[in-house]
């Protein structure tokens, strides 16, 4: 399960996503996105959080 917020990602949203095992994605446009929590679940994403995929 994942979340995609309608506005900017807050630190509370990141903490909640991490603690509840949710993938958190922000700023998704075209074929690009920024991943803030559990990016290992998304093919092609690697590196430190936040990840640009």
N, C-alpha and C. Protein backbone atom coordinates (compact mmCIF):
# COMPACT_ATOMS: atom_id res chain seq x y z
N UNK A 1 0.85 -1.17 0.00
CA UNK A 1 0.00 0.00 0.00
C UNK A 1 0.89 1.23 0.00
N UNK A 2 0.46 2.28 -0.64
CA UNK A 2 1.23 3.50 -0.69
C UNK A 2 0.35 4.72 -0.57
N UNK A 3 0.98 5.85 -0.30
CA UNK A 3 0.30 7.13 -0.18
C UNK A 3 0.92 8.12 -1.14
N UNK A 4 0.08 8.95 -1.71
CA UNK A 4 0.57 10.05 -2.54
C UNK A 4 -0.16 11.30 -2.09
N UNK A 5 0.52 12.20 -1.37
CA UNK A 5 -0.14 13.39 -0.83
C UNK A 5 -0.50 14.39 -1.93
N UNK A 6 -1.47 15.24 -1.65
CA UNK A 6 -1.87 16.27 -2.59
C UNK A 6 -1.01 17.52 -2.48
N UNK A 7 -0.33 17.69 -1.36
CA UNK A 7 0.55 18.84 -1.16
C UNK A 7 1.92 18.32 -0.75
N UNK A 8 2.76 19.20 -0.24
CA UNK A 8 4.10 18.81 0.18
C UNK A 8 4.06 17.76 1.29
N UNK A 9 5.13 17.01 1.41
CA UNK A 9 5.22 15.94 2.39
C UNK A 9 5.76 16.51 3.70
N UNK A 10 5.09 16.23 4.81
CA UNK A 10 5.53 16.71 6.11
C UNK A 10 6.36 15.65 6.82
N UNK A 11 7.11 16.07 7.82
CA UNK A 11 7.91 15.12 8.59
C UNK A 11 7.00 14.14 9.33
N UNK A 12 5.83 14.58 9.76
CA UNK A 12 4.89 13.68 10.43
C UNK A 12 4.40 12.60 9.46
N UNK A 13 4.12 12.98 8.22
CA UNK A 13 3.69 12.01 7.21
C UNK A 13 4.77 10.96 6.97
N UNK A 14 6.02 11.38 6.94
CA UNK A 14 7.14 10.46 6.74
C UNK A 14 7.24 9.51 7.93
N UNK A 15 7.15 10.03 9.14
CA UNK A 15 7.21 9.19 10.34
C UNK A 15 6.09 8.17 10.37
N UNK A 16 4.88 8.60 10.05
CA UNK A 16 3.73 7.69 10.05
C UNK A 16 3.88 6.61 8.98
N UNK A 17 4.34 7.00 7.79
CA UNK A 17 4.53 6.03 6.72
C UNK A 17 5.57 4.99 7.11
N UNK A 18 6.68 5.45 7.69
CA UNK A 18 7.74 4.53 8.11
C UNK A 18 7.22 3.57 9.18
N UNK A 19 6.52 4.09 10.17
CA UNK A 19 6.10 3.25 11.30
C UNK A 19 4.96 2.30 10.95
N UNK A 20 4.19 2.62 9.90
CA UNK A 20 3.06 1.77 9.51
C UNK A 20 3.34 0.95 8.25
N UNK A 21 4.58 1.00 7.77
CA UNK A 21 4.96 0.18 6.63
C UNK A 21 4.36 0.63 5.30
N UNK A 22 4.14 1.94 5.16
CA UNK A 22 3.56 2.48 3.92
C UNK A 22 4.64 3.11 3.05
N UNK A 23 4.48 2.98 1.76
CA UNK A 23 5.35 3.67 0.81
C UNK A 23 4.78 5.06 0.61
N UNK A 24 5.62 6.09 0.78
CA UNK A 24 5.18 7.47 0.66
C UNK A 24 5.88 8.13 -0.53
N UNK A 25 5.09 8.61 -1.48
CA UNK A 25 5.60 9.23 -2.69
C UNK A 25 5.08 10.66 -2.77
N UNK A 26 5.96 11.57 -3.10
CA UNK A 26 5.56 12.97 -3.28
C UNK A 26 6.09 13.50 -4.59
N UNK A 27 5.50 14.56 -5.06
CA UNK A 27 5.96 15.24 -6.27
C UNK A 27 6.06 14.31 -7.47
N UNK A 28 5.03 13.54 -7.72
CA UNK A 28 5.00 12.64 -8.87
C UNK A 28 4.57 13.43 -10.11
N UNK A 29 5.41 13.42 -11.12
CA UNK A 29 5.12 14.10 -12.38
C UNK A 29 5.65 13.24 -13.52
N UNK A 30 4.86 13.10 -14.55
CA UNK A 30 5.25 12.32 -15.73
C UNK A 30 5.79 10.96 -15.27
N UNK A 31 7.06 10.69 -15.54
CA UNK A 31 7.65 9.41 -15.15
C UNK A 31 8.65 9.57 -14.01
N UNK A 32 8.54 10.65 -13.24
CA UNK A 32 9.46 10.94 -12.13
C UNK A 32 8.67 11.08 -10.84
N UNK A 33 9.33 10.77 -9.72
CA UNK A 33 8.71 10.94 -8.41
C UNK A 33 9.78 10.99 -7.34
N UNK A 34 9.41 11.53 -6.19
CA UNK A 34 10.28 11.55 -5.03
C UNK A 34 9.67 10.62 -3.99
N UNK A 35 10.47 9.66 -3.51
CA UNK A 35 9.99 8.65 -2.56
C UNK A 35 10.57 8.99 -1.19
N UNK A 36 9.70 9.05 -0.18
CA UNK A 36 10.09 9.44 1.17
C UNK A 36 10.11 8.30 2.17
N UNK A 37 9.46 7.19 1.88
CA UNK A 37 9.44 6.05 2.80
C UNK A 37 9.27 4.76 2.02
N UNK A 38 10.06 3.77 2.38
CA UNK A 38 10.00 2.43 1.80
C UNK A 38 10.15 2.41 0.28
N UNK A 39 11.12 3.16 -0.22
CA UNK A 39 11.39 3.20 -1.65
C UNK A 39 11.92 1.90 -2.22
N UNK A 40 12.39 1.00 -1.34
CA UNK A 40 12.90 -0.29 -1.81
C UNK A 40 11.82 -1.10 -2.50
N UNK A 41 10.58 -0.73 -2.30
CA UNK A 41 9.46 -1.46 -2.92
C UNK A 41 9.23 -1.05 -4.37
N UNK A 42 9.87 -0.01 -4.82
CA UNK A 42 9.63 0.52 -6.16
C UNK A 42 10.82 0.16 -7.05
N UNK A 43 10.53 -0.55 -8.11
CA UNK A 43 11.57 -0.97 -9.05
C UNK A 43 12.26 0.26 -9.63
N UNK A 44 13.57 0.24 -9.62
CA UNK A 44 14.34 1.34 -10.20
C UNK A 44 14.73 2.41 -9.21
N UNK A 45 14.27 2.31 -7.96
CA UNK A 45 14.63 3.28 -6.93
C UNK A 45 15.72 2.71 -6.04
N UNK A 46 16.71 3.52 -5.77
CA UNK A 46 17.75 3.11 -4.83
C UNK A 46 18.40 4.38 -4.30
N UNK A 47 19.08 4.25 -3.19
CA UNK A 47 19.74 5.39 -2.60
C UNK A 47 19.10 5.78 -1.29
N UNK A 48 19.48 6.95 -0.81
CA UNK A 48 18.98 7.42 0.49
C UNK A 48 17.66 8.18 0.31
N UNK A 49 16.94 8.27 1.40
CA UNK A 49 15.64 8.95 1.41
C UNK A 49 15.89 10.43 1.58
N UNK A 50 15.24 11.35 0.88
CA UNK A 50 14.30 11.06 -0.20
C UNK A 50 15.01 10.65 -1.49
N UNK A 51 14.40 9.74 -2.22
CA UNK A 51 14.94 9.24 -3.48
C UNK A 51 14.24 9.90 -4.65
N UNK A 52 14.99 10.24 -5.65
CA UNK A 52 14.40 10.71 -6.89
C UNK A 52 14.41 9.55 -7.88
N UNK A 53 13.25 9.12 -8.28
CA UNK A 53 13.13 7.96 -9.17
C UNK A 53 12.51 8.37 -10.50
